[in-house]
Amino acid sequence: PRTHVLCTGDEPEDVTRRPVPKLQRNGE
């Protein structure tokens, strides 16, 4: 199981975040 921590502070304009999938690879 994985837990994602999304840091939402300021970031450079040329940085694109990869989206977190709605489901983990284990189906949860």
mmCIF file of all heavy atoms, coordinates in Angstrom:
data_MODEL
# 
_entry.id   MODEL 
# 
loop_
_atom_site.group_PDB 
_atom_site.id 
_atom_site.type_symbol 
_atom_site.label_atom_id 
_atom_site.label_alt_id 
_atom_site.label_comp_id 
_atom_site.label_asym_id 
_atom_site.label_entity_id 
_atom_site.label_seq_id 
_atom_site.pdbx_PDB_ins_code 
_atom_site.Cartn_x 
_atom_site.Cartn_y 
_atom_site.Cartn_z 
_atom_site.occupancy 
_atom_site.B_iso_or_equiv 
_atom_site.pdbx_formal_charge 
_atom_site.auth_seq_id 
_atom_site.auth_comp_id 
_atom_site.auth_asym_id 
_atom_site.auth_atom_id 
_atom_site.pdbx_PDB_model_num 
ATOM 1   N N   . PRO A 1 1  ? 0.837   -1.202 0.000   1.00 0.00 ? 1  PRO A N   1 
ATOM 2   C CA  . PRO A 1 1  ? 0.000   0.000  0.000   1.00 0.00 ? 1  PRO A CA  1 
ATOM 3   C C   . PRO A 1 1  ? 0.873   1.254  0.000   1.00 0.00 ? 1  PRO A C   1 
ATOM 4   O O   . PRO A 1 1  ? 1.967   1.267  0.567   1.00 0.00 ? 1  PRO A O   1 
ATOM 5   C CB  . PRO A 1 1  ? -0.819  -0.110 1.289   1.00 0.00 ? 1  PRO A CB  1 
ATOM 6   C CG  . PRO A 1 1  ? -0.132  -1.119 2.118   1.00 0.00 ? 1  PRO A CG  1 
ATOM 7   C CD  . PRO A 1 1  ? 0.736   -1.957 1.227   1.00 0.00 ? 1  PRO A CD  1 
ATOM 8   N N   . ARG A 1 2  ? 0.383   2.284  -0.648  1.00 0.00 ? 2  ARG A N   1 
ATOM 9   C CA  . ARG A 1 2  ? 1.124   3.530  -0.751  1.00 0.00 ? 2  ARG A CA  1 
ATOM 10  C C   . ARG A 1 2  ? 0.272   4.690  -0.278  1.00 0.00 ? 2  ARG A C   1 
ATOM 11  O O   . ARG A 1 2  ? -0.943  4.678  -0.422  1.00 0.00 ? 2  ARG A O   1 
ATOM 12  C CB  . ARG A 1 2  ? 1.551   3.775  -2.193  1.00 0.00 ? 2  ARG A CB  1 
ATOM 13  C CG  . ARG A 1 2  ? 2.587   2.785  -2.677  1.00 0.00 ? 2  ARG A CG  1 
ATOM 14  C CD  . ARG A 1 2  ? 2.686   2.814  -4.199  1.00 0.00 ? 2  ARG A CD  1 
ATOM 15  N NE  . ARG A 1 2  ? 3.792   2.023  -4.701  1.00 0.00 ? 2  ARG A NE  1 
ATOM 16  C CZ  . ARG A 1 2  ? 3.785   0.717  -4.832  1.00 0.00 ? 2  ARG A CZ  1 
ATOM 17  N NH1 . ARG A 1 2  ? 2.721   0.024  -4.471  1.00 0.00 ? 2  ARG A NH1 1 
ATOM 18  N NH2 . ARG A 1 2  ? 4.830   0.071  -5.303  1.00 0.00 ? 2  ARG A NH2 1 
ATOM 19  N N   . THR A 1 3  ? 0.949   5.685  0.249   1.00 0.00 ? 3  THR A N   1 
ATOM 20  C CA  . THR A 1 3  ? 0.307   6.936  0.623   1.00 0.00 ? 3  THR A CA  1 
ATOM 21  C C   . THR A 1 3  ? 1.047   8.043  -0.103  1.00 0.00 ? 3  THR A C   1 
ATOM 22  O O   . THR A 1 3  ? 2.270   8.092  -0.095  1.00 0.00 ? 3  THR A O   1 
ATOM 23  C CB  . THR A 1 3  ? 0.372   7.172  2.142   1.00 0.00 ? 3  THR A CB  1 
ATOM 24  O OG1 . THR A 1 3  ? -0.339  6.117  2.795   1.00 0.00 ? 3  THR A OG1 1 
ATOM 25  C CG2 . THR A 1 3  ? -0.240  8.499  2.525   1.00 0.00 ? 3  THR A CG2 1 
ATOM 26  N N   . HIS A 1 4  ? 0.315   8.918  -0.756  1.00 0.00 ? 4  HIS A N   1 
ATOM 27  C CA  . HIS A 1 4  ? 0.906   10.016 -1.517  1.00 0.00 ? 4  HIS A CA  1 
ATOM 28  C C   . HIS A 1 4  ? 0.784   11.305 -0.710  1.00 0.00 ? 4  HIS A C   1 
ATOM 29  O O   . HIS A 1 4  ? -0.278  11.600 -0.163  1.00 0.00 ? 4  HIS A O   1 
ATOM 30  C CB  . HIS A 1 4  ? 0.196   10.180 -2.860  1.00 0.00 ? 4  HIS A CB  1 
ATOM 31  C CG  . HIS A 1 4  ? 0.224   8.935  -3.687  1.00 0.00 ? 4  HIS A CG  1 
ATOM 32  N ND1 . HIS A 1 4  ? 1.221   8.677  -4.599  1.00 0.00 ? 4  HIS A ND1 1 
ATOM 33  C CD2 . HIS A 1 4  ? -0.599  7.861  -3.723  1.00 0.00 ? 4  HIS A CD2 1 
ATOM 34  C CE1 . HIS A 1 4  ? 1.006   7.514  -5.163  1.00 0.00 ? 4  HIS A CE1 1 
ATOM 35  N NE2 . HIS A 1 4  ? -0.092  6.991  -4.657  1.00 0.00 ? 4  HIS A NE2 1 
ATOM 36  N N   . VAL A 1 5  ? 1.868   12.065 -0.661  1.00 0.00 ? 5  VAL A N   1 
ATOM 37  C CA  . VAL A 1 5  ? 1.850   13.378 -0.035  1.00 0.00 ? 5  VAL A CA  1 
ATOM 38  C C   . VAL A 1 5  ? 2.022   14.394 -1.156  1.00 0.00 ? 5  VAL A C   1 
ATOM 39  O O   . VAL A 1 5  ? 3.063   14.453 -1.810  1.00 0.00 ? 5  VAL A O   1 
ATOM 40  C CB  . VAL A 1 5  ? 2.969   13.532 1.022   1.00 0.00 ? 5  VAL A CB  1 
ATOM 41  C CG1 . VAL A 1 5  ? 2.938   14.927 1.623   1.00 0.00 ? 5  VAL A CG1 1 
ATOM 42  C CG2 . VAL A 1 5  ? 2.809   12.475 2.113   1.00 0.00 ? 5  VAL A CG2 1 
ATOM 43  N N   . LEU A 1 6  ? 0.991   15.173 -1.400  1.00 0.00 ? 6  LEU A N   1 
ATOM 44  C CA  . LEU A 1 6  ? 0.985   16.159 -2.463  1.00 0.00 ? 6  LEU A CA  1 
ATOM 45  C C   . LEU A 1 6  ? 1.343   17.514 -1.864  1.00 0.00 ? 6  LEU A C   1 
ATOM 46  O O   . LEU A 1 6  ? 0.591   18.062 -1.058  1.00 0.00 ? 6  LEU A O   1 
ATOM 47  C CB  . LEU A 1 6  ? -0.390  16.207 -3.124  1.00 0.00 ? 6  LEU A CB  1 
ATOM 48  C CG  . LEU A 1 6  ? -0.588  17.186 -4.257  1.00 0.00 ? 6  LEU A CG  1 
ATOM 49  C CD1 . LEU A 1 6  ? 0.350   16.875 -5.414  1.00 0.00 ? 6  LEU A CD1 1 
ATOM 50  C CD2 . LEU A 1 6  ? -2.034  17.146 -4.712  1.00 0.00 ? 6  LEU A CD2 1 
ATOM 51  N N   . CYS A 1 7  ? 2.506   18.024 -2.236  1.00 0.00 ? 7  CYS A N   1 
ATOM 52  C CA  . CYS A 1 7  ? 2.950   19.328 -1.742  1.00 0.00 ? 7  CYS A CA  1 
ATOM 53  C C   . CYS A 1 7  ? 2.405   20.395 -2.678  1.00 0.00 ? 7  CYS A C   1 
ATOM 54  O O   . CYS A 1 7  ? 2.701   20.391 -3.879  1.00 0.00 ? 7  CYS A O   1 
ATOM 55  C CB  . CYS A 1 7  ? 4.473   19.380 -1.680  1.00 0.00 ? 7  CYS A CB  1 
ATOM 56  S SG  . CYS A 1 7  ? 5.150   18.189 -0.515  1.00 0.00 ? 7  CYS A SG  1 
ATOM 57  N N   . THR A 1 8  ? 1.589   21.289 -2.143  1.00 0.00 ? 8  THR A N   1 
ATOM 58  C CA  . THR A 1 8  ? 0.861   22.255 -2.971  1.00 0.00 ? 8  THR A CA  1 
ATOM 59  C C   . THR A 1 8  ? 1.410   23.668 -2.856  1.00 0.00 ? 8  THR A C   1 
ATOM 60  O O   . THR A 1 8  ? 0.745   24.619 -3.239  1.00 0.00 ? 8  THR A O   1 
ATOM 61  C CB  . THR A 1 8  ? -0.629  22.262 -2.591  1.00 0.00 ? 8  THR A CB  1 
ATOM 62  O OG1 . THR A 1 8  ? -0.753  22.598 -1.206  1.00 0.00 ? 8  THR A OG1 1 
ATOM 63  C CG2 . THR A 1 8  ? -1.275  20.920 -2.869  1.00 0.00 ? 8  THR A CG2 1 
ATOM 64  N N   . GLY A 1 9  ? 2.629   23.818 -2.359  1.00 0.00 ? 9  GLY A N   1 
ATOM 65  C CA  . GLY A 1 9  ? 3.230   25.149 -2.260  1.00 0.00 ? 9  GLY A CA  1 
ATOM 66  C C   . GLY A 1 9  ? 3.656   25.660 -3.621  1.00 0.00 ? 9  GLY A C   1 
ATOM 67  O O   . GLY A 1 9  ? 3.402   25.050 -4.656  1.00 0.00 ? 9  GLY A O   1 
ATOM 68  N N   . ASP A 1 10 ? 4.316   26.816 -3.618  1.00 0.00 ? 10 ASP A N   1 
ATOM 69  C CA  . ASP A 1 10 ? 4.792   27.411 -4.859  1.00 0.00 ? 10 ASP A CA  1 
ATOM 70  C C   . ASP A 1 10 ? 5.740   26.455 -5.574  1.00 0.00 ? 10 ASP A C   1 
ATOM 71  O O   . ASP A 1 10 ? 6.487   25.715 -4.954  1.00 0.00 ? 10 ASP A O   1 
ATOM 72  C CB  . ASP A 1 10 ? 5.527   28.722 -4.559  1.00 0.00 ? 10 ASP A CB  1 
ATOM 73  C CG  . ASP A 1 10 ? 4.586   29.799 -4.040  1.00 0.00 ? 10 ASP A CG  1 
ATOM 74  O OD1 . ASP A 1 10 ? 3.494   29.927 -4.612  1.00 0.00 ? 10 ASP A OD1 1 
ATOM 75  O OD2 . ASP A 1 10 ? 4.946   30.482 -3.074  1.00 0.00 ? 10 ASP A OD2 1 
ATOM 76  N N   . GLU A 1 11 ? 5.701   26.489 -6.890  1.00 0.00 ? 11 GLU A N   1 
ATOM 77  C CA  . GLU A 1 11 ? 6.613   25.662 -7.683  1.00 0.00 ? 11 GLU A CA  1 
ATOM 78  C C   . GLU A 1 11 ? 6.941   26.407 -8.967  1.00 0.00 ? 11 GLU A C   1 
ATOM 79  O O   . GLU A 1 11 ? 6.170   27.254 -9.422  1.00 0.00 ? 11 GLU A O   1 
ATOM 80  C CB  . GLU A 1 11 ? 6.008   24.306 -7.987  1.00 0.00 ? 11 GLU A CB  1 
ATOM 81  C CG  . GLU A 1 11 ? 4.739   24.352 -8.774  1.00 0.00 ? 11 GLU A CG  1 
ATOM 82  C CD  . GLU A 1 11 ? 4.105   22.976 -8.921  1.00 0.00 ? 11 GLU A CD  1 
ATOM 83  O OE1 . GLU A 1 11 ? 4.256   22.123 -8.051  1.00 0.00 ? 11 GLU A OE1 1 
ATOM 84  O OE2 . GLU A 1 11 ? 3.437   22.774 -9.941  1.00 0.00 ? 11 GLU A OE2 1 
ATOM 85  N N   . PRO A 1 12 ? 8.082   26.097 -9.579  1.00 0.00 ? 12 PRO A N   1 
ATOM 86  C CA  . PRO A 1 12 ? 8.435   26.752 -10.845 1.00 0.00 ? 12 PRO A CA  1 
ATOM 87  C C   . PRO A 1 12 ? 7.385   26.481 -11.918 1.00 0.00 ? 12 PRO A C   1 
ATOM 88  O O   . PRO A 1 12 ? 6.746   25.436 -11.928 1.00 0.00 ? 12 PRO A O   1 
ATOM 89  C CB  . PRO A 1 12 ? 9.771   26.102 -11.220 1.00 0.00 ? 12 PRO A CB  1 
ATOM 90  C CG  . PRO A 1 12 ? 10.312  25.566 -9.938  1.00 0.00 ? 12 PRO A CG  1 
ATOM 91  C CD  . PRO A 1 12 ? 9.116   25.184 -9.113  1.00 0.00 ? 12 PRO A CD  1 
ATOM 92  N N   . GLU A 1 13 ? 7.221   27.427 -12.827 1.00 0.00 ? 13 GLU A N   1 
ATOM 93  C CA  . GLU A 1 13 ? 6.208   27.298 -13.878 1.00 0.00 ? 13 GLU A CA  1 
ATOM 94  C C   . GLU A 1 13 ? 6.474   26.126 -14.804 1.00 0.00 ? 13 GLU A C   1 
ATOM 95  O O   . GLU A 1 13 ? 5.550   25.574 -15.388 1.00 0.00 ? 13 GLU A O   1 
ATOM 96  C CB  . GLU A 1 13 ? 6.134   28.590 -14.691 1.00 0.00 ? 13 GLU A CB  1 
ATOM 97  C CG  . GLU A 1 13 ? 5.584   29.760 -13.903 1.00 0.00 ? 13 GLU A CG  1 
ATOM 98  C CD  . GLU A 1 13 ? 5.561   31.045 -14.722 1.00 0.00 ? 13 GLU A CD  1 
ATOM 99  O OE1 . GLU A 1 13 ? 5.778   30.981 -15.955 1.00 0.00 ? 13 GLU A OE1 1 
ATOM 100 O OE2 . GLU A 1 13 ? 5.320   32.099 -14.120 1.00 0.00 ? 13 GLU A OE2 1 
ATOM 101 N N   . ASP A 1 14 ? 7.734   25.718 -14.969 1.00 0.00 ? 14 ASP A N   1 
ATOM 102 C CA  . ASP A 1 14 ? 8.038   24.656 -15.928 1.00 0.00 ? 14 ASP A CA  1 
ATOM 103 C C   . ASP A 1 14 ? 8.003   23.255 -15.309 1.00 0.00 ? 14 ASP A C   1 
ATOM 104 O O   . ASP A 1 14 ? 8.449   22.302 -15.914 1.00 0.00 ? 14 ASP A O   1 
ATOM 105 C CB  . ASP A 1 14 ? 9.384   24.904 -16.603 1.00 0.00 ? 14 ASP A CB  1 
ATOM 106 C CG  . ASP A 1 14 ? 10.547  24.948 -15.626 1.00 0.00 ? 14 ASP A CG  1 
ATOM 107 O OD1 . ASP A 1 14 ? 10.306  25.000 -14.405 1.00 0.00 ? 14 ASP A OD1 1 
ATOM 108 O OD2 . ASP A 1 14 ? 11.700  24.930 -16.080 1.00 0.00 ? 14 ASP A OD2 1 
ATOM 109 N N   . VAL A 1 15 ? 7.439   23.134 -14.121 1.00 0.00 ? 15 VAL A N   1 
ATOM 110 C CA  . VAL A 1 15 ? 7.312   21.828 -13.475 1.00 0.00 ? 15 VAL A CA  1 
ATOM 111 C C   . VAL A 1 15 ? 5.886   21.330 -13.646 1.00 0.00 ? 15 VAL A C   1 
ATOM 112 O O   . VAL A 1 15 ? 4.931   22.027 -13.350 1.00 0.00 ? 15 VAL A O   1 
ATOM 113 C CB  . VAL A 1 15 ? 7.673   21.908 -11.964 1.00 0.00 ? 15 VAL A CB  1 
ATOM 114 C CG1 . VAL A 1 15 ? 7.336   20.611 -11.266 1.00 0.00 ? 15 VAL A CG1 1 
ATOM 115 C CG2 . VAL A 1 15 ? 9.136   22.248 -11.795 1.00 0.00 ? 15 VAL A CG2 1 
ATOM 116 N N   . THR A 1 16 ? 5.764   20.126 -14.164 1.00 0.00 ? 16 THR A N   1 
ATOM 117 C CA  . THR A 1 16 ? 4.454   19.505 -14.331 1.00 0.00 ? 16 THR A CA  1 
ATOM 118 C C   . THR A 1 16 ? 4.377   18.305 -13.401 1.00 0.00 ? 16 THR A C   1 
ATOM 119 O O   . THR A 1 16 ? 5.239   17.433 -13.440 1.00 0.00 ? 16 THR A O   1 
ATOM 120 C CB  . THR A 1 16 ? 4.255   19.040 -15.790 1.00 0.00 ? 16 THR A CB  1 
ATOM 121 O OG1 . THR A 1 16 ? 4.407   20.165 -16.642 1.00 0.00 ? 16 THR A OG1 1 
ATOM 122 C CG2 . THR A 1 16 ? 2.877   18.429 -15.981 1.00 0.00 ? 16 THR A CG2 1 
ATOM 123 N N   . ARG A 1 17 ? 3.363   18.272 -12.577 1.00 0.00 ? 17 ARG A N   1 
ATOM 124 C CA  . ARG A 1 17 ? 3.189   17.143 -11.657 1.00 0.00 ? 17 ARG A CA  1 
ATOM 125 C C   . ARG A 1 17 ? 2.580   15.958 -12.385 1.00 0.00 ? 17 ARG A C   1 
ATOM 126 O O   . ARG A 1 17 ? 1.700   16.113 -13.222 1.00 0.00 ? 17 ARG A O   1 
ATOM 127 C CB  . ARG A 1 17 ? 2.240   17.516 -10.523 1.00 0.00 ? 17 ARG A CB  1 
ATOM 128 C CG  . ARG A 1 17 ? 2.732   18.592 -9.631  1.00 0.00 ? 17 ARG A CG  1 
ATOM 129 C CD  . ARG A 1 17 ? 1.633   18.893 -8.604  1.00 0.00 ? 17 ARG A CD  1 
ATOM 130 N NE  . ARG A 1 17 ? 1.914   20.104 -7.900  1.00 0.00 ? 17 ARG A NE  1 
ATOM 131 C CZ  . ARG A 1 17 ? 2.412   20.147 -6.672  1.00 0.00 ? 17 ARG A CZ  1 
ATOM 132 N NH1 . ARG A 1 17 ? 2.656   19.028 -6.042  1.00 0.00 ? 17 ARG A NH1 1 
ATOM 133 N NH2 . ARG A 1 17 ? 2.648   21.286 -6.086  1.00 0.00 ? 17 ARG A NH2 1 
ATOM 134 N N   . ARG A 1 18 ? 3.063   14.765 -12.041 1.00 0.00 ? 18 ARG A N   1 
ATOM 135 C CA  . ARG A 1 18 ? 2.407   13.556 -12.531 1.00 0.00 ? 18 ARG A CA  1 
ATOM 136 C C   . ARG A 1 18 ? 1.168   13.338 -11.681 1.00 0.00 ? 18 ARG A C   1 
ATOM 137 O O   . ARG A 1 18 ? 1.235   13.420 -10.450 1.00 0.00 ? 18 ARG A O   1 
ATOM 138 C CB  . ARG A 1 18 ? 3.335   12.354 -12.411 1.00 0.00 ? 18 ARG A CB  1 
ATOM 139 C CG  . ARG A 1 18 ? 4.397   12.326 -13.483 1.00 0.00 ? 18 ARG A CG  1 
ATOM 140 C CD  . ARG A 1 18 ? 5.261   11.122 -13.322 1.00 0.00 ? 18 ARG A CD  1 
ATOM 141 N NE  . ARG A 1 18 ? 6.123   11.369 -12.166 1.00 0.00 ? 18 ARG A NE  1 
ATOM 142 C CZ  . ARG A 1 18 ? 6.808   10.462 -11.527 1.00 0.00 ? 18 ARG A CZ  1 
ATOM 143 N NH1 . ARG A 1 18 ? 6.735   9.214  -11.874 1.00 0.00 ? 18 ARG A NH1 1 
ATOM 144 N NH2 . ARG A 1 18 ? 7.572   10.773 -10.520 1.00 0.00 ? 18 ARG A NH2 1 
ATOM 145 N N   . PRO A 1 19 ? 0.035   13.054 -12.288 1.00 0.00 ? 19 PRO A N   1 
ATOM 146 C CA  . PRO A 1 19 ? -1.167  12.834 -11.482 1.00 0.00 ? 19 PRO A CA  1 
ATOM 147 C C   . PRO A 1 19 ? -1.068  11.523 -10.693 1.00 0.00 ? 19 PRO A C   1 
ATOM 148 O O   . PRO A 1 19 ? -0.452  10.563 -11.134 1.00 0.00 ? 19 PRO A O   1 
ATOM 149 C CB  . PRO A 1 19 ? -2.292  12.765 -12.513 1.00 0.00 ? 19 PRO A CB  1 
ATOM 150 C CG  . PRO A 1 19 ? -1.618  12.399 -13.787 1.00 0.00 ? 19 PRO A CG  1 
ATOM 151 C CD  . PRO A 1 19 ? -0.217  12.939 -13.720 1.00 0.00 ? 19 PRO A CD  1 
ATOM 152 N N   . VAL A 1 20 ? -1.679  11.537 -9.522  1.00 0.00 ? 20 VAL A N   1 
ATOM 153 C CA  . VAL A 1 20 ? -1.756  10.317 -8.715  1.00 0.00 ? 20 VAL A CA  1 
ATOM 154 C C   . VAL A 1 20 ? -2.933  9.509  -9.244  1.00 0.00 ? 20 VAL A C   1 
ATOM 155 O O   . VAL A 1 20 ? -4.035  10.031 -9.404  1.00 0.00 ? 20 VAL A O   1 
ATOM 156 C CB  . VAL A 1 20 ? -1.965  10.662 -7.218  1.00 0.00 ? 20 VAL A CB  1 
ATOM 157 C CG1 . VAL A 1 20 ? -2.151  9.397  -6.400  1.00 0.00 ? 20 VAL A CG1 1 
ATOM 158 C CG2 . VAL A 1 20 ? -0.805  11.496 -6.700  1.00 0.00 ? 20 VAL A CG2 1 
ATOM 159 N N   . PRO A 1 21 ? -2.706  8.234  -9.541  1.00 0.00 ? 21 PRO A N   1 
ATOM 160 C CA  . PRO A 1 21 ? -3.813  7.413  -10.054 1.00 0.00 ? 21 PRO A CA  1 
ATOM 161 C C   . PRO A 1 21 ? -4.923  7.268  -9.004  1.00 0.00 ? 21 PRO A C   1 
ATOM 162 O O   . PRO A 1 21 ? -4.653  7.280  -7.804  1.00 0.00 ? 21 PRO A O   1 
ATOM 163 C CB  . PRO A 1 21 ? -3.163  6.072  -10.361 1.00 0.00 ? 21 PRO A CB  1 
ATOM 164 C CG  . PRO A 1 21 ? -1.901  6.047  -9.580  1.00 0.00 ? 21 PRO A CG  1 
ATOM 165 C CD  . PRO A 1 21 ? -1.475  7.472  -9.372  1.00 0.00 ? 21 PRO A CD  1 
ATOM 166 N N   . LYS A 1 22 ? -6.153  7.141  -9.461  1.00 0.00 ? 22 LYS A N   1 
ATOM 167 C CA  . LYS A 1 22 ? -7.276  6.985  -8.532  1.00 0.00 ? 22 LYS A CA  1 
ATOM 168 C C   . LYS A 1 22 ? -7.184  5.678  -7.748  1.00 0.00 ? 22 LYS A C   1 
ATOM 169 O O   . LYS A 1 22 ? -7.627  5.600  -6.617  1.00 0.00 ? 22 LYS A O   1 
ATOM 170 C CB  . LYS A 1 22 ? -8.598  7.074  -9.282  1.00 0.00 ? 22 LYS A CB  1 
ATOM 171 C CG  . LYS A 1 22 ? -8.853  8.448  -9.877  1.00 0.00 ? 22 LYS A CG  1 
ATOM 172 C CD  . LYS A 1 22 ? -10.257 8.553  -10.419 1.00 0.00 ? 22 LYS A CD  1 
ATOM 173 C CE  . LYS A 1 22 ? -10.536 9.840  -11.132 1.00 0.00 ? 22 LYS A CE  1 
ATOM 174 N NZ  . LYS A 1 22 ? -10.115 11.045 -10.538 1.00 0.00 ? 22 LYS A NZ  1 
ATOM 175 N N   . LEU A 1 23 ? -6.607  4.652  -8.382  1.00 0.00 ? 23 LEU A N   1 
ATOM 176 C CA  . LEU A 1 23 ? -6.437  3.362  -7.722  1.00 0.00 ? 23 LEU A CA  1 
ATOM 177 C C   . LEU A 1 23 ? -4.955  3.022  -7.648  1.00 0.00 ? 23 LEU A C   1 
ATOM 178 O O   . LEU A 1 23 ? -4.196  3.279  -8.583  1.00 0.00 ? 23 LEU A O   1 
ATOM 179 C CB  . LEU A 1 23 ? -7.152  2.249  -8.492  1.00 0.00 ? 23 LEU A CB  1 
ATOM 180 C CG  . LEU A 1 23 ? -8.672  2.293  -8.520  1.00 0.00 ? 23 LEU A CG  1 
ATOM 181 C CD1 . LEU A 1 23 ? -9.201  1.165  -9.395  1.00 0.00 ? 23 LEU A CD1 1 
ATOM 182 C CD2 . LEU A 1 23 ? -9.243  2.181  -7.116  1.00 0.00 ? 23 LEU A CD2 1 
ATOM 183 N N   . GLN A 1 24 ? -4.563  2.411  -6.517  1.00 0.00 ? 24 GLN A N   1 
ATOM 184 C CA  . GLN A 1 24 ? -3.209  1.904  -6.386  1.00 0.00 ? 24 GLN A CA  1 
ATOM 185 C C   . GLN A 1 24 ? -3.085  0.621  -7.198  1.00 0.00 ? 24 GLN A C   1 
ATOM 186 O O   . GLN A 1 24 ? -4.076  0.030  -7.620  1.00 0.00 ? 24 GLN A O   1 
ATOM 187 C CB  . GLN A 1 24 ? -2.904  1.607  -4.911  1.00 0.00 ? 24 GLN A CB  1 
ATOM 188 C CG  . GLN A 1 24 ? -2.960  2.829  -4.031  1.00 0.00 ? 24 GLN A CG  1 
ATOM 189 C CD  . GLN A 1 24 ? -2.621  2.473  -2.608  1.00 0.00 ? 24 GLN A CD  1 
ATOM 190 O OE1 . GLN A 1 24 ? -1.607  1.840  -2.350  1.00 0.00 ? 24 GLN A OE1 1 
ATOM 191 N NE2 . GLN A 1 24 ? -3.465  2.884  -1.678  1.00 0.00 ? 24 GLN A NE2 1 
ATOM 192 N N   . ARG A 1 25 ? -1.866  0.169  -7.396  1.00 0.00 ? 25 ARG A N   1 
ATOM 193 C CA  . ARG A 1 25 ? -1.645  -1.061 -8.163  1.00 0.00 ? 25 ARG A CA  1 
ATOM 194 C C   . ARG A 1 25 ? -2.249  -2.280 -7.473  1.00 0.00 ? 25 ARG A C   1 
ATOM 195 O O   . ARG A 1 25 ? -2.534  -3.282 -8.111  1.00 0.00 ? 25 ARG A O   1 
ATOM 196 C CB  . ARG A 1 25 ? -0.156  -1.264 -8.408  1.00 0.00 ? 25 ARG A CB  1 
ATOM 197 C CG  . ARG A 1 25 ? 0.395   -0.202 -9.360  1.00 0.00 ? 25 ARG A CG  1 
ATOM 198 C CD  . ARG A 1 25 ? 1.847   -0.392 -9.668  1.00 0.00 ? 25 ARG A CD  1 
ATOM 199 N NE  . ARG A 1 25 ? 2.038   -1.650 -10.364 1.00 0.00 ? 25 ARG A NE  1 
ATOM 200 C CZ  . ARG A 1 25 ? 3.209   -2.264 -10.446 1.00 0.00 ? 25 ARG A CZ  1 
ATOM 201 N NH1 . ARG A 1 25 ? 4.268   -1.742 -9.875  1.00 0.00 ? 25 ARG A NH1 1 
ATOM 202 N NH2 . ARG A 1 25 ? 3.332   -3.394 -11.090 1.00 0.00 ? 25 ARG A NH2 1 
ATOM 203 N N   . ASN A 1 26 ? -2.475  -2.179 -6.153  1.00 0.00 ? 26 ASN A N   1 
ATOM 204 C CA  . ASN A 1 26 ? -3.084  -3.308 -5.455  1.00 0.00 ? 26 ASN A CA  1 
ATOM 205 C C   . ASN A 1 26 ? -4.621  -3.245 -5.495  1.00 0.00 ? 26 ASN A C   1 
ATOM 206 O O   . ASN A 1 26 ? -5.286  -4.053 -4.879  1.00 0.00 ? 26 ASN A O   1 
ATOM 207 C CB  . ASN A 1 26 ? -2.585  -3.386 -4.010  1.00 0.00 ? 26 ASN A CB  1 
ATOM 208 C CG  . ASN A 1 26 ? -2.997  -2.189 -3.172  1.00 0.00 ? 26 ASN A CG  1 
ATOM 209 O OD1 . ASN A 1 26 ? -3.742  -1.321 -3.625  1.00 0.00 ? 26 ASN A OD1 1 
ATOM 210 N ND2 . ASN A 1 26 ? -2.506  -2.136 -1.954  1.00 0.00 ? 26 ASN A ND2 1 
ATOM 211 N N   . GLY A 1 27 ? -5.164  -2.260 -6.228  1.00 0.00 ? 27 GLY A N   1 
ATOM 212 C CA  . GLY A 1 27 ? -6.608  -2.147 -6.392  1.00 0.00 ? 27 GLY A CA  1 
ATOM 213 C C   . GLY A 1 27 ? -7.294  -1.263 -5.367  1.00 0.00 ? 27 GLY A C   1 
ATOM 214 O O   . GLY A 1 27 ? -8.476  -0.957 -5.508  1.00 0.00 ? 27 GLY A O   1 
ATOM 215 N N   . GLU A 1 28 ? -6.586  -0.874 -4.314  1.00 0.00 ? 28 GLU A N   1 
ATOM 216 C CA  . GLU A 1 28 ? -7.180  -0.003 -3.300  1.00 0.00 ? 28 GLU A CA  1 
ATOM 217 C C   . GLU A 1 28 ? -7.213  1.442  -3.797  1.00 0.00 ? 28 GLU A C   1 
ATOM 218 O O   . GLU A 1 28 ? -6.378  1.840  -4.608  1.00 0.00 ? 28 GLU A O   1 
ATOM 219 C CB  . GLU A 1 28 ? -6.355  -0.053 -2.012  1.00 0.00 ? 28 GLU A CB  1 
ATOM 220 C CG  . GLU A 1 28 ? -6.359  -1.393 -1.325  1.00 0.00 ? 28 GLU A CG  1 
ATOM 221 C CD  . GLU A 1 28 ? -5.480  -1.398 -0.078  1.00 0.00 ? 28 GLU A CD  1 
ATOM 222 O OE1 . GLU A 1 28 ? -5.063  -0.311 0.378   1.00 0.00 ? 28 GLU A OE1 1 
ATOM 223 O OE2 . GLU A 1 28 ? -5.192  -2.487 0.422   1.00 0.00 ? 28 GLU A OE2 1 
# 
